[in-house]
Amino acid sequence: DEIDLHLHPKWQREIISYLSEAFPNVQFIVTTHSPLVVQSAN
C-alpha cells in the first residue's frame, strides 16, 4: 500500500526496476499516488 511512501522522487522513479530485478518471479500488486512510479515502468 502506497509503495511511494516517504521516498524521494528519484527513488520513486527507480523503485519498480530495482524490485523487478531483485524479485524476478514476484507478482507485485501495489497502490500509489505518484506519477513517477507510473512513468518508470516499461
PDB file of all heavy atoms in Angstrom:
ATOM      1  N   ASP A   1       0.846  -1.192   0.000  1.00  0.00           N
ATOM      2  CA  ASP A   1       0.000   0.000   0.000  1.00  0.00           C
ATOM      3  C   ASP A   1       0.885   1.247   0.000  1.00  0.00           C
ATOM      4  O   ASP A   1       1.778   1.382   0.838  1.00  0.00           O
ATOM      5  CB  ASP A   1      -0.910  -0.018   1.234  1.00  0.00           C
ATOM      6  CG  ASP A   1      -2.105   0.902   1.097  1.00  0.00           C
ATOM      7  OD1 ASP A   1      -2.351   1.404  -0.009  1.00  0.00           O
ATOM      8  OD2 ASP A   1      -2.806   1.114   2.109  1.00  0.00           O
ATOM      9  N   GLU A   2       0.643   2.136  -0.957  1.00  0.00           N
ATOM     10  CA  GLU A   2       1.421   3.375  -1.099  1.00  0.00           C
ATOM     11  C   GLU A   2       2.919   3.070  -1.157  1.00  0.00           C
ATOM     12  O   GLU A   2       3.691   3.451  -0.279  1.00  0.00           O
ATOM     13  CB  GLU A   2       1.093   4.366   0.016  1.00  0.00           C
ATOM     14  CG  GLU A   2      -0.353   4.842  -0.010  1.00  0.00           C
ATOM     15  CD  GLU A   2      -0.630   5.990   0.940  1.00  0.00           C
ATOM     16  OE1 GLU A   2       0.326   6.700   1.309  1.00  0.00           O
ATOM     17  OE2 GLU A   2      -1.795   6.177   1.318  1.00  0.00           O
ATOM     18  N   ILE A   3       3.313   2.414  -2.218  1.00  0.00           N
ATOM     19  CA  ILE A   3       4.706   1.985  -2.364  1.00  0.00           C
ATOM     20  C   ILE A   3       5.659   3.175  -2.414  1.00  0.00           C
ATOM     21  O   ILE A   3       6.846   3.044  -2.114  1.00  0.00           O
ATOM     22  CB  ILE A   3       4.867   1.103  -3.623  1.00  0.00           C
ATOM     23  CG1 ILE A   3       6.213   0.372  -3.595  1.00  0.00           C
ATOM     24  CG2 ILE A   3       4.671   1.907  -4.901  1.00  0.00           C
ATOM     25  CD1 ILE A   3       6.339  -0.719  -4.610  1.00  0.00           C
ATOM     26  N   ASP A   4       5.151   4.349  -2.752  1.00  0.00           N
ATOM     27  CA  ASP A   4       5.986   5.551  -2.842  1.00  0.00           C
ATOM     28  C   ASP A   4       6.162   6.260  -1.506  1.00  0.00           C
ATOM     29  O   ASP A   4       6.847   7.283  -1.435  1.00  0.00           O
ATOM     30  CB  ASP A   4       5.368   6.539  -3.834  1.00  0.00           C
ATOM     31  CG  ASP A   4       3.905   6.841  -3.517  1.00  0.00           C
ATOM     32  OD1 ASP A   4       3.084   5.911  -3.527  1.00  0.00           O
ATOM     33  OD2 ASP A   4       3.572   8.003  -3.226  1.00  0.00           O
ATOM     34  N   LEU A   5       5.581   5.721  -0.435  1.00  0.00           N
ATOM     35  CA  LEU A   5       5.560   6.406   0.862  1.00  0.00           C
ATOM     36  C   LEU A   5       6.963   6.746   1.351  1.00  0.00           C
ATOM     37  O   LEU A   5       7.830   5.882   1.434  1.00  0.00           O
ATOM     38  CB  LEU A   5       4.857   5.517   1.890  1.00  0.00           C
ATOM     39  CG  LEU A   5       4.517   6.143   3.234  1.00  0.00           C
ATOM     40  CD1 LEU A   5       3.460   7.233   3.059  1.00  0.00           C
ATOM     41  CD2 LEU A   5       4.029   5.075   4.208  1.00  0.00           C
ATOM     42  N   HIS A   6       7.190   8.021   1.669  1.00  0.00           N
ATOM     43  CA  HIS A   6       8.446   8.553   2.230  1.00  0.00           C
ATOM     44  C   HIS A   6       9.624   8.516   1.240  1.00  0.00           C
ATOM     45  O   HIS A   6      10.758   8.810   1.646  1.00  0.00           O
ATOM     46  CB  HIS A   6       8.869   7.794   3.499  1.00  0.00           C
ATOM     47  CG  HIS A   6       7.888   7.870   4.619  1.00  0.00           C
ATOM     48  ND1 HIS A   6       7.343   9.042   5.067  1.00  0.00           N
ATOM     49  CD2 HIS A   6       7.340   6.893   5.389  1.00  0.00           C
ATOM     50  CE1 HIS A   6       6.508   8.804   6.062  1.00  0.00           C
ATOM     51  NE2 HIS A   6       6.477   7.508   6.269  1.00  0.00           N
ATOM     52  N   LEU A   7       9.393   8.166  -0.023  1.00  0.00           N
ATOM     53  CA  LEU A   7      10.512   8.034  -0.959  1.00  0.00           C
ATOM     54  C   LEU A   7      10.759   9.335  -1.726  1.00  0.00           C
ATOM     55  O   LEU A   7       9.818   9.993  -2.185  1.00  0.00           O
ATOM     56  CB  LEU A   7      10.251   6.905  -1.952  1.00  0.00           C
ATOM     57  CG  LEU A   7      10.057   5.505  -1.382  1.00  0.00           C
ATOM     58  CD1 LEU A   7       9.973   4.475  -2.502  1.00  0.00           C
ATOM     59  CD2 LEU A   7      11.171   5.139  -0.403  1.00  0.00           C
ATOM     60  N   HIS A   8      12.035   9.659  -1.887  1.00  0.00           N
ATOM     61  CA  HIS A   8      12.448  10.801  -2.698  1.00  0.00           C
ATOM     62  C   HIS A   8      11.973  10.571  -4.143  1.00  0.00           C
ATOM     63  O   HIS A   8      11.907   9.436  -4.611  1.00  0.00           O
ATOM     64  CB  HIS A   8      13.976  10.915  -2.641  1.00  0.00           C
ATOM     65  CG  HIS A   8      14.535  12.074  -3.387  1.00  0.00           C
ATOM     66  ND1 HIS A   8      14.777  12.038  -4.747  1.00  0.00           N
ATOM     67  CD2 HIS A   8      14.917  13.312  -2.966  1.00  0.00           C
ATOM     68  CE1 HIS A   8      15.276  13.201  -5.130  1.00  0.00           C
ATOM     69  NE2 HIS A   8      15.366  13.988  -4.075  1.00  0.00           N
ATOM     70  N   PRO A   9      11.628  11.645  -4.900  1.00  0.00           N
ATOM     71  CA  PRO A   9      11.163  11.460  -6.287  1.00  0.00           C
ATOM     72  C   PRO A   9      12.078  10.604  -7.150  1.00  0.00           C
ATOM     73  O   PRO A   9      11.604   9.786  -7.951  1.00  0.00           O
ATOM     74  CB  PRO A   9      11.087  12.897  -6.818  1.00  0.00           C
ATOM     75  CG  PRO A   9      10.763  13.713  -5.607  1.00  0.00           C
ATOM     76  CD  PRO A   9      11.498  13.054  -4.475  1.00  0.00           C
ATOM     77  N   LYS A  10      13.398  10.733  -7.006  1.00  0.00           N
ATOM     78  CA  LYS A  10      14.314   9.912  -7.807  1.00  0.00           C
ATOM     79  C   LYS A  10      14.152   8.431  -7.459  1.00  0.00           C
ATOM     80  O   LYS A  10      14.185   7.559  -8.327  1.00  0.00           O
ATOM     81  CB  LYS A  10      15.760  10.357  -7.567  1.00  0.00           C
ATOM     82  CG  LYS A  10      16.786   9.654  -8.455  1.00  0.00           C
ATOM     83  CD  LYS A  10      18.174  10.239  -8.246  1.00  0.00           C
ATOM     84  CE  LYS A  10      19.182   9.646  -9.215  1.00  0.00           C
ATOM     85  NZ  LYS A  10      19.411   8.204  -9.006  1.00  0.00           N
ATOM     86  N   TRP A  11      13.962   8.144  -6.183  1.00  0.00           N
ATOM     87  CA  TRP A  11      13.767   6.765  -5.726  1.00  0.00           C
ATOM     88  C   TRP A  11      12.429   6.230  -6.232  1.00  0.00           C
ATOM     89  O   TRP A  11      12.319   5.061  -6.622  1.00  0.00           O
ATOM     90  CB  TRP A  11      13.827   6.717  -4.207  1.00  0.00           C
ATOM     91  CG  TRP A  11      14.293   5.417  -3.634  1.00  0.00           C
ATOM     92  CD1 TRP A  11      14.512   4.243  -4.302  1.00  0.00           C
ATOM     93  CD2 TRP A  11      14.611   5.155  -2.266  1.00  0.00           C
ATOM     94  NE1 TRP A  11      14.934   3.268  -3.445  1.00  0.00           N
ATOM     95  CE2 TRP A  11      15.006   3.801  -2.178  1.00  0.00           C
ATOM     96  CE3 TRP A  11      14.589   5.921  -1.109  1.00  0.00           C
ATOM     97  CZ2 TRP A  11      15.372   3.198  -0.971  1.00  0.00           C
ATOM     98  CZ3 TRP A  11      14.961   5.333   0.091  1.00  0.00           C
ATOM     99  CH2 TRP A  11      15.354   3.991   0.150  1.00  0.00           C
ATOM    100  N   GLN A  12      11.394   7.076  -6.229  1.00  0.00           N
ATOM    101  CA  GLN A  12      10.094   6.662  -6.750  1.00  0.00           C
ATOM    102  C   GLN A  12      10.207   6.229  -8.208  1.00  0.00           C
ATOM    103  O   GLN A  12       9.555   5.282  -8.644  1.00  0.00           O
ATOM    104  CB  GLN A  12       9.093   7.813  -6.644  1.00  0.00           C
ATOM    105  CG  GLN A  12       8.715   8.191  -5.230  1.00  0.00           C
ATOM    106  CD  GLN A  12       7.759   9.372  -5.193  1.00  0.00           C
ATOM    107  OE1 GLN A  12       7.007   9.598  -6.126  1.00  0.00           O
ATOM    108  NE2 GLN A  12       7.809  10.142  -4.113  1.00  0.00           N
ATOM    109  N   ARG A  13      11.045   6.925  -8.957  1.00  0.00           N
ATOM    110  CA  ARG A  13      11.189   6.639 -10.379  1.00  0.00           C
ATOM    111  C   ARG A  13      11.949   5.336 -10.618  1.00  0.00           C
ATOM    112  O   ARG A  13      11.814   4.730 -11.686  1.00  0.00           O
ATOM    113  CB  ARG A  13      11.897   7.818 -11.053  1.00  0.00           C
ATOM    114  CG  ARG A  13      12.078   7.676 -12.551  1.00  0.00           C
ATOM    115  CD  ARG A  13      12.609   8.949 -13.149  1.00  0.00           C
ATOM    116  NE  ARG A  13      11.541   9.893 -13.426  1.00  0.00           N
ATOM    117  CZ  ARG A  13      11.706  11.207 -13.542  1.00  0.00           C
ATOM    118  NH1 ARG A  13      12.891  11.734 -13.359  1.00  0.00           N
ATOM    119  NH2 ARG A  13      10.686  11.988 -13.824  1.00  0.00           N
ATOM    120  N   GLU A  14      12.718   4.883  -9.648  1.00  0.00           N
ATOM    121  CA  GLU A  14      13.572   3.708  -9.848  1.00  0.00           C
ATOM    122  C   GLU A  14      13.084   2.460  -9.130  1.00  0.00           C
ATOM    123  O   GLU A  14      13.578   1.362  -9.380  1.00  0.00           O
ATOM    124  CB  GLU A  14      14.997   4.046  -9.387  1.00  0.00           C
ATOM    125  CG  GLU A  14      15.649   5.156 -10.199  1.00  0.00           C
ATOM    126  CD  GLU A  14      16.932   5.691  -9.561  1.00  0.00           C
ATOM    127  OE1 GLU A  14      17.113   5.465  -8.341  1.00  0.00           O
ATOM    128  OE2 GLU A  14      17.725   6.317 -10.270  1.00  0.00           O
ATOM    129  N   ILE A  15      12.096   2.617  -8.235  1.00  0.00           N
ATOM    130  CA  ILE A  15      11.718   1.527  -7.347  1.00  0.00           C
ATOM    131  C   ILE A  15      11.216   0.298  -8.104  1.00  0.00           C
ATOM    132  O   ILE A  15      11.538  -0.844  -7.750  1.00  0.00           O
ATOM    133  CB  ILE A  15      10.665   2.008  -6.311  1.00  0.00           C
ATOM    134  CG1 ILE A  15      10.398   0.937  -5.265  1.00  0.00           C
ATOM    135  CG2 ILE A  15       9.381   2.444  -6.978  1.00  0.00           C
ATOM    136  CD1 ILE A  15      11.535   0.684  -4.348  1.00  0.00           C
ATOM    137  N   ILE A  16      10.444   0.482  -9.172  1.00  0.00           N
ATOM    138  CA  ILE A  16       9.892  -0.662  -9.908  1.00  0.00           C
ATOM    139  C   ILE A  16      11.000  -1.478 -10.565  1.00  0.00           C
ATOM    140  O   ILE A  16      11.013  -2.711 -10.470  1.00  0.00           O
ATOM    141  CB  ILE A  16       8.850  -0.193 -10.939  1.00  0.00           C
ATOM    142  CG1 ILE A  16       7.527   0.121 -10.234  1.00  0.00           C
ATOM    143  CG2 ILE A  16       8.625  -1.248 -12.024  1.00  0.00           C
ATOM    144  CD1 ILE A  16       6.389   0.493 -11.171  1.00  0.00           C
ATOM    145  N   SER A  17      11.935  -0.822 -11.222  1.00  0.00           N
ATOM    146  CA  SER A  17      13.002  -1.567 -11.906  1.00  0.00           C
ATOM    147  C   SER A  17      13.888  -2.303 -10.904  1.00  0.00           C
ATOM    148  O   SER A  17      14.294  -3.452 -11.149  1.00  0.00           O
ATOM    149  CB  SER A  17      13.843  -0.630 -12.779  1.00  0.00           C
ATOM    150  OG  SER A  17      14.503   0.344 -11.981  1.00  0.00           O
ATOM    151  N   TYR A  18      14.183  -1.691  -9.752  1.00  0.00           N
ATOM    152  CA  TYR A  18      15.033  -2.338  -8.758  1.00  0.00           C
ATOM    153  C   TYR A  18      14.353  -3.560  -8.149  1.00  0.00           C
ATOM    154  O   TYR A  18      14.973  -4.622  -7.976  1.00  0.00           O
ATOM    155  CB  TYR A  18      15.415  -1.350  -7.656  1.00  0.00           C
ATOM    156  CG  TYR A  18      16.352  -0.243  -8.106  1.00  0.00           C
ATOM    157  CD1 TYR A  18      16.454   0.941  -7.384  1.00  0.00           C
ATOM    158  CD2 TYR A  18      17.137  -0.383  -9.253  1.00  0.00           C
ATOM    159  CE1 TYR A  18      17.308   1.963  -7.794  1.00  0.00           C
ATOM    160  CE2 TYR A  18      17.986   0.631  -9.661  1.00  0.00           C
ATOM    161  CZ  TYR A  18      18.073   1.798  -8.929  1.00  0.00           C
ATOM    162  OH  TYR A  18      18.914   2.794  -9.333  1.00  0.00           O
ATOM    163  N   LEU A  19      13.067  -3.428  -7.805  1.00  0.00           N
ATOM    164  CA  LEU A  19      12.351  -4.560  -7.217  1.00  0.00           C
ATOM    165  C   LEU A  19      12.127  -5.671  -8.239  1.00  0.00           C
ATOM    166  O   LEU A  19      12.155  -6.853  -7.896  1.00  0.00           O
ATOM    167  CB  LEU A  19      11.017  -4.091  -6.638  1.00  0.00           C
ATOM    168  CG  LEU A  19      11.099  -3.247  -5.363  1.00  0.00           C
ATOM    169  CD1 LEU A  19       9.726  -2.716  -4.983  1.00  0.00           C
ATOM    170  CD2 LEU A  19      11.685  -4.055  -4.208  1.00  0.00           C
ATOM    171  N   SER A  20      11.916  -5.315  -9.491  1.00  0.00           N
ATOM    172  CA  SER A  20      11.746  -6.319 -10.548  1.00  0.00           C
ATOM    173  C   SER A  20      13.003  -7.164 -10.691  1.00  0.00           C
ATOM    174  O   SER A  20      12.935  -8.382 -10.909  1.00  0.00           O
ATOM    175  CB  SER A  20      11.422  -5.640 -11.886  1.00  0.00           C
ATOM    176  OG  SER A  20      10.217  -4.918 -11.808  1.00  0.00           O
ATOM    177  N   GLU A  21      14.144  -6.521 -10.575  1.00  0.00           N
ATOM    178  CA  GLU A  21      15.417  -7.231 -10.680  1.00  0.00           C
ATOM    179  C   GLU A  21      15.684  -8.094  -9.449  1.00  0.00           C
ATOM    180  O   GLU A  21      16.157  -9.227  -9.566  1.00  0.00           O
ATOM    181  CB  GLU A  21      16.550  -6.219 -10.866  1.00  0.00           C
ATOM    182  CG  GLU A  21      17.926  -6.855 -11.042  1.00  0.00           C
ATOM    183  CD  GLU A  21      19.026  -5.824 -11.205  1.00  0.00           C
ATOM    184  OE1 GLU A  21      18.720  -4.614 -11.311  1.00  0.00           O
ATOM    185  OE2 GLU A  21      20.207  -6.223 -11.232  1.00  0.00           O
ATOM    186  N   ALA A  22      15.352  -7.575  -8.275  1.00  0.00           N
ATOM    187  CA  ALA A  22      15.631  -8.295  -7.032  1.00  0.00           C
ATOM    188  C   ALA A  22      14.696  -9.484  -6.831  1.00  0.00           C
ATOM    189  O   ALA A  22      15.101 -10.518  -6.291  1.00  0.00           O
ATOM    190  CB  ALA A  22      15.535  -7.350  -5.836  1.00  0.00           C
ATOM    191  N   PHE A  23      13.427  -9.344  -7.253  1.00  0.00           N
ATOM    192  CA  PHE A  23      12.415 -10.393  -7.060  1.00  0.00           C
ATOM    193  C   PHE A  23      11.757 -10.697  -8.408  1.00  0.00           C
ATOM    194  O   PHE A  23      10.604 -10.320  -8.648  1.00  0.00           O
ATOM    195  CB  PHE A  23      11.367  -9.934  -6.044  1.00  0.00           C
ATOM    196  CG  PHE A  23      11.934  -9.536  -4.706  1.00  0.00           C
ATOM    197  CD1 PHE A  23      12.212  -8.208  -4.419  1.00  0.00           C
ATOM    198  CD2 PHE A  23      12.192 -10.495  -3.729  1.00  0.00           C
ATOM    199  CE1 PHE A  23      12.730  -7.832  -3.186  1.00  0.00           C
ATOM    200  CE2 PHE A  23      12.708 -10.137  -2.496  1.00  0.00           C
ATOM    201  CZ  PHE A  23      12.984  -8.803  -2.218  1.00  0.00           C
ATOM    202  N   PRO A  24      12.468 -11.388  -9.303  1.00  0.00           N
ATOM    203  CA  PRO A  24      12.004 -11.517 -10.693  1.00  0.00           C
ATOM    204  C   PRO A  24      10.728 -12.326 -10.872  1.00  0.00           C
ATOM    205  O   PRO A  24      10.061 -12.180 -11.900  1.00  0.00           O
ATOM    206  CB  PRO A  24      13.192 -12.206 -11.387  1.00  0.00           C
ATOM    207  CG  PRO A  24      13.930 -12.916 -10.287  1.00  0.00           C
ATOM    208  CD  PRO A  24      13.775 -12.043  -9.085  1.00  0.00           C
ATOM    209  N   ASN A  25      10.363 -13.167  -9.913  1.00  0.00           N
ATOM    210  CA  ASN A  25       9.181 -14.012 -10.064  1.00  0.00           C
ATOM    211  C   ASN A  25       8.042 -13.625  -9.121  1.00  0.00           C
ATOM    212  O   ASN A  25       7.091 -14.388  -8.943  1.00  0.00           O
ATOM    213  CB  ASN A  25       9.554 -15.479  -9.852  1.00  0.00           C
ATOM    214  CG  ASN A  25      10.489 -15.976 -10.938  1.00  0.00           C
ATOM    215  OD1 ASN A  25      10.216 -15.812 -12.118  1.00  0.00           O
ATOM    216  ND2 ASN A  25      11.618 -16.554 -10.540  1.00  0.00           N
ATOM    217  N   VAL A  26       8.148 -12.452  -8.533  1.00  0.00           N
ATOM    218  CA  VAL A  26       7.093 -11.965  -7.646  1.00  0.00           C
ATOM    219  C   VAL A  26       6.069 -11.176  -8.465  1.00  0.00           C
ATOM    220  O   VAL A  26       6.426 -10.390  -9.345  1.00  0.00           O
ATOM    221  CB  VAL A  26       7.688 -11.078  -6.530  1.00  0.00           C
ATOM    222  CG1 VAL A  26       6.614 -10.213  -5.879  1.00  0.00           C
ATOM    223  CG2 VAL A  26       8.352 -11.949  -5.476  1.00  0.00           C
ATOM    224  N   GLN A  27       4.805 -11.409  -8.175  1.00  0.00           N
ATOM    225  CA  GLN A  27       3.721 -10.599  -8.733  1.00  0.00           C
ATOM    226  C   GLN A  27       3.439  -9.469  -7.746  1.00  0.00           C
ATOM    227  O   GLN A  27       2.930  -9.694  -6.659  1.00  0.00           O
ATOM    228  CB  GLN A  27       2.458 -11.439  -8.953  1.00  0.00           C
ATOM    229  CG  GLN A  27       1.278 -10.647  -9.493  1.00  0.00           C
ATOM    230  CD  GLN A  27       0.008 -11.486  -9.617  1.00  0.00           C
ATOM    231  OE1 GLN A  27      -0.040 -12.637  -9.173  1.00  0.00           O
ATOM    232  NE2 GLN A  27      -1.025 -10.916 -10.210  1.00  0.00           N
ATOM    233  N   PHE A  28       3.791  -8.247  -8.126  1.00  0.00           N
ATOM    234  CA  PHE A  28       3.579  -7.085  -7.266  1.00  0.00           C
ATOM    235  C   PHE A  28       2.226  -6.451  -7.599  1.00  0.00           C
ATOM    236  O   PHE A  28       1.921  -6.155  -8.756  1.00  0.00           O
ATOM    237  CB  PHE A  28       4.678  -6.042  -7.462  1.00  0.00           C
ATOM    238  CG  PHE A  28       5.997  -6.412  -6.852  1.00  0.00           C
ATOM    239  CD1 PHE A  28       7.001  -6.979  -7.621  1.00  0.00           C
ATOM    240  CD2 PHE A  28       6.238  -6.197  -5.502  1.00  0.00           C
ATOM    241  CE1 PHE A  28       8.229  -7.320  -7.060  1.00  0.00           C
ATOM    242  CE2 PHE A  28       7.460  -6.534  -4.928  1.00  0.00           C
ATOM    243  CZ  PHE A  28       8.452  -7.096  -5.707  1.00  0.00           C
ATOM    244  N   ILE A  29       1.430  -6.235  -6.563  1.00  0.00           N
ATOM    245  CA  ILE A  29       0.153  -5.532  -6.688  1.00  0.00           C
ATOM    246  C   ILE A  29       0.195  -4.390  -5.687  1.00  0.00           C
ATOM    247  O   ILE A  29       0.216  -4.620  -4.471  1.00  0.00           O
ATOM    248  CB  ILE A  29      -1.035  -6.469  -6.420  1.00  0.00           C
ATOM    249  CG1 ILE A  29      -0.999  -7.660  -7.386  1.00  0.00           C
ATOM    250  CG2 ILE A  29      -2.351  -5.718  -6.555  1.00  0.00           C
ATOM    251  CD1 ILE A  29      -2.041  -8.733  -7.088  1.00  0.00           C
ATOM    252  N   VAL A  30       0.245  -3.145  -6.169  1.00  0.00           N
ATOM    253  CA  VAL A  30       0.541  -2.020  -5.297  1.00  0.00           C
ATOM    254  C   VAL A  30      -0.415  -0.860  -5.556  1.00  0.00           C
ATOM    255  O   VAL A  30      -1.071  -0.782  -6.596  1.00  0.00           O
ATOM    256  CB  VAL A  30       2.001  -1.538  -5.478  1.00  0.00           C
ATOM    257  CG1 VAL A  30       2.977  -2.688  -5.309  1.00  0.00           C
ATOM    258  CG2 VAL A  30       2.210  -0.868  -6.838  1.00  0.00           C
ATOM    259  N   THR A  31      -0.457   0.052  -4.590  1.00  0.00           N
ATOM    260  CA  THR A  31      -1.169   1.315  -4.771  1.00  0.00           C
ATOM    261  C   THR A  31      -0.154   2.451  -4.728  1.00  0.00           C
ATOM    262  O   THR A  31       0.933   2.318  -4.153  1.00  0.00           O
ATOM    263  CB  THR A  31      -2.231   1.545  -3.683  1.00  0.00           C
ATOM    264  OG1 THR A  31      -1.578   1.858  -2.440  1.00  0.00           O
ATOM    265  CG2 THR A  31      -3.111   0.314  -3.507  1.00  0.00           C
ATOM    266  N   THR A  32      -0.519   3.577  -5.330  1.00  0.00           N
ATOM    267  CA  THR A  32       0.379   4.732  -5.309  1.00  0.00           C
ATOM    268  C   THR A  32      -0.407   5.998  -5.599  1.00  0.00           C
ATOM    269  O   THR A  32      -1.511   5.961  -6.152  1.00  0.00           O
ATOM    270  CB  THR A  32       1.513   4.575  -6.350  1.00  0.00           C
ATOM    271  OG1 THR A  32       2.453   5.639  -6.192  1.00  0.00           O
ATOM    272  CG2 THR A  32       0.976   4.614  -7.771  1.00  0.00           C
ATOM    273  N   HIS A  33       0.180   7.134  -5.223  1.00  0.00           N
ATOM    274  CA  HIS A  33      -0.314   8.447  -5.638  1.00  0.00           C
ATOM    275  C   HIS A  33       0.707   9.115  -6.550  1.00  0.00           C
ATOM    276  O   HIS A  33       0.520  10.265  -6.939  1.00  0.00           O
ATOM    277  CB  HIS A  33      -0.550   9.351  -4.421  1.00  0.00           C
ATOM    278  CG  HIS A  33      -1.678   8.914  -3.545  1.00  0.00           C
ATOM    279  ND1 HIS A  33      -1.485   8.367  -2.296  1.00  0.00           N
ATOM    280  CD2 HIS A  33      -3.011   8.917  -3.743  1.00  0.00           C
ATOM    281  CE1 HIS A  33      -2.660   8.067  -1.764  1.00  0.00           C
ATOM    282  NE2 HIS A  33      -3.600   8.396  -2.614  1.00  0.00           N
ATOM    283  N   SER A  34       1.776   8.416  -6.885  1.00  0.00           N
ATOM    284  CA  SER A  34       2.908   9.040  -7.551  1.00  0.00           C
ATOM    285  C   SER A  34       2.897   8.813  -9.067  1.00  0.00           C
ATOM    286  O   SER A  34       2.972   7.673  -9.528  1.00  0.00           O
ATOM    287  CB  SER A  34       4.222   8.491  -6.979  1.00  0.00           C
ATOM    288  OG  SER A  34       5.320   8.930  -7.751  1.00  0.00           O
ATOM    289  N   PRO A  35       2.873   9.884  -9.861  1.00  0.00           N
ATOM    290  CA  PRO A  35       3.008   9.722 -11.316  1.00  0.00           C
ATOM    291  C   PRO A  35       4.390   9.223 -11.711  1.00  0.00           C
ATOM    292  O   PRO A  35       4.562   8.645 -12.784  1.00  0.00           O
ATOM    293  CB  PRO A  35       2.756  11.135 -11.848  1.00  0.00           C
ATOM    294  CG  PRO A  35       3.092  12.041 -10.712  1.00  0.00           C
ATOM    295  CD  PRO A  35       2.712  11.300  -9.470  1.00  0.00           C
ATOM    296  N   LEU A  36       5.389   9.433 -10.839  1.00  0.00           N
ATOM    297  CA  LEU A  36       6.746   8.960 -11.145  1.00  0.00           C
ATOM    298  C   LEU A  36       6.809   7.439 -11.138  1.00  0.00           C
ATOM    299  O   LEU A  36       7.553   6.839 -11.917  1.00  0.00           O
ATOM    300  CB  LEU A  36       7.738   9.540 -10.141  1.00  0.00           C
ATOM    301  CG  LEU A  36       7.925  11.059 -10.200  1.00  0.00           C
ATOM    302  CD1 LEU A  36       8.774  11.539  -9.032  1.00  0.00           C
ATOM    303  CD2 LEU A  36       8.561  11.467 -11.512  1.00  0.00           C
ATOM    304  N   VAL A  37       6.057   6.789 -10.254  1.00  0.00           N
ATOM    305  CA  VAL A  37       6.002   5.329 -10.238  1.00  0.00           C
ATOM    306  C   VAL A  37       5.388   4.827 -11.540  1.00  0.00           C
ATOM    307  O   VAL A  37       5.879   3.881 -12.159  1.00  0.00           O
ATOM    308  CB  VAL A  37       5.187   4.833  -9.025  1.00  0.00           C
ATOM    309  CG1 VAL A  37       4.930   3.329  -9.124  1.00  0.00           C
ATOM    310  CG2 VAL A  37       5.920   5.150  -7.723  1.00  0.00           C
ATOM    311  N   VAL A  38       4.304   5.476 -11.977  1.00  0.00           N
ATOM    312  CA  VAL A  38       3.654   5.093 -13.231  1.00  0.00           C
ATOM    313  C   VAL A  38       4.596   5.310 -14.407  1.00  0.00           C
ATOM    314  O   VAL A  38       4.696   4.473 -15.310  1.00  0.00           O
ATOM    315  CB  VAL A  38       2.360   5.909 -13.423  1.00  0.00           C
ATOM    316  CG1 VAL A  38       1.724   5.621 -14.777  1.00  0.00           C
ATOM    317  CG2 VAL A  38       1.377   5.608 -12.298  1.00  0.00           C
ATOM    318  N   GLN A  39       5.298   6.409 -14.406  1.00  0.00           N
ATOM    319  CA  GLN A  39       6.187   6.765 -15.512  1.00  0.00           C
ATOM    320  C   GLN A  39       7.370   5.812 -15.650  1.00  0.00           C
ATOM    321  O   GLN A  39       7.905   5.610 -16.741  1.00  0.00           O
ATOM    322  CB  GLN A  39       6.701   8.195 -15.297  1.00  0.00           C
ATOM    323  CG  GLN A  39       7.535   8.763 -16.431  1.00  0.00           C
ATOM    324  CD  GLN A  39       8.214  10.055 -16.008  1.00  0.00           C
ATOM    325  OE1 GLN A  39       8.911  10.110 -14.992  1.00  0.00           O
ATOM    326  NE2 GLN A  39       8.001  11.116 -16.781  1.00  0.00           N
ATOM    327  N   SER A  40       7.765   5.194 -14.547  1.00  0.00           N
ATOM    328  CA  SER A  40       9.024   4.440 -14.527  1.00  0.00           C
ATOM    329  C   SER A  40       8.929   3.047 -15.131  1.00  0.00           C
ATOM    330  O   SER A  40       9.943   2.446 -15.470  1.00  0.00           O
ATOM    331  CB  SER A  40       9.528   4.322 -13.085  1.00  0.00           C
ATOM    332  OG  SER A  40       8.656   3.484 -12.325  1.00  0.00           O
ATOM    333  N   ALA A  41       7.722   2.498 -15.269  1.00  0.00           N
ATOM    334  CA  ALA A  41       7.590   1.098 -15.674  1.00  0.00           C
ATOM    335  C   ALA A  41       7.503   0.957 -17.185  1.00  0.00           C
ATOM    336  O   ALA A  41       6.799   1.711 -17.859  1.00  0.00           O
ATOM    337  CB  ALA A  41       6.358   0.481 -15.026  1.00  0.00           C
ATOM    338  N   ASN A  42       8.211  -0.043 -17.719  1.00  0.00           N
ATOM    339  CA  ASN A  42       8.120  -0.338 -19.146  1.00  0.00           C
ATOM    340  C   ASN A  42       6.853  -1.111 -19.486  1.00  0.00           C
ATOM    341  O   ASN A  42       6.343  -1.037 -20.589  1.00  0.00           O
ATOM    342  CB  ASN A  42       9.344  -1.140 -19.601  1.00  0.00           C
ATOM    343  CG  ASN A  42      10.616  -0.321 -19.551  1.00  0.00           C
ATOM    344  OD1 ASN A  42      10.594   0.873 -19.850  1.00  0.00           O
ATOM    345  ND2 ASN A  42      11.716  -0.938 -19.162  1.00  0.00           N
TER     346      ASN A  42
END
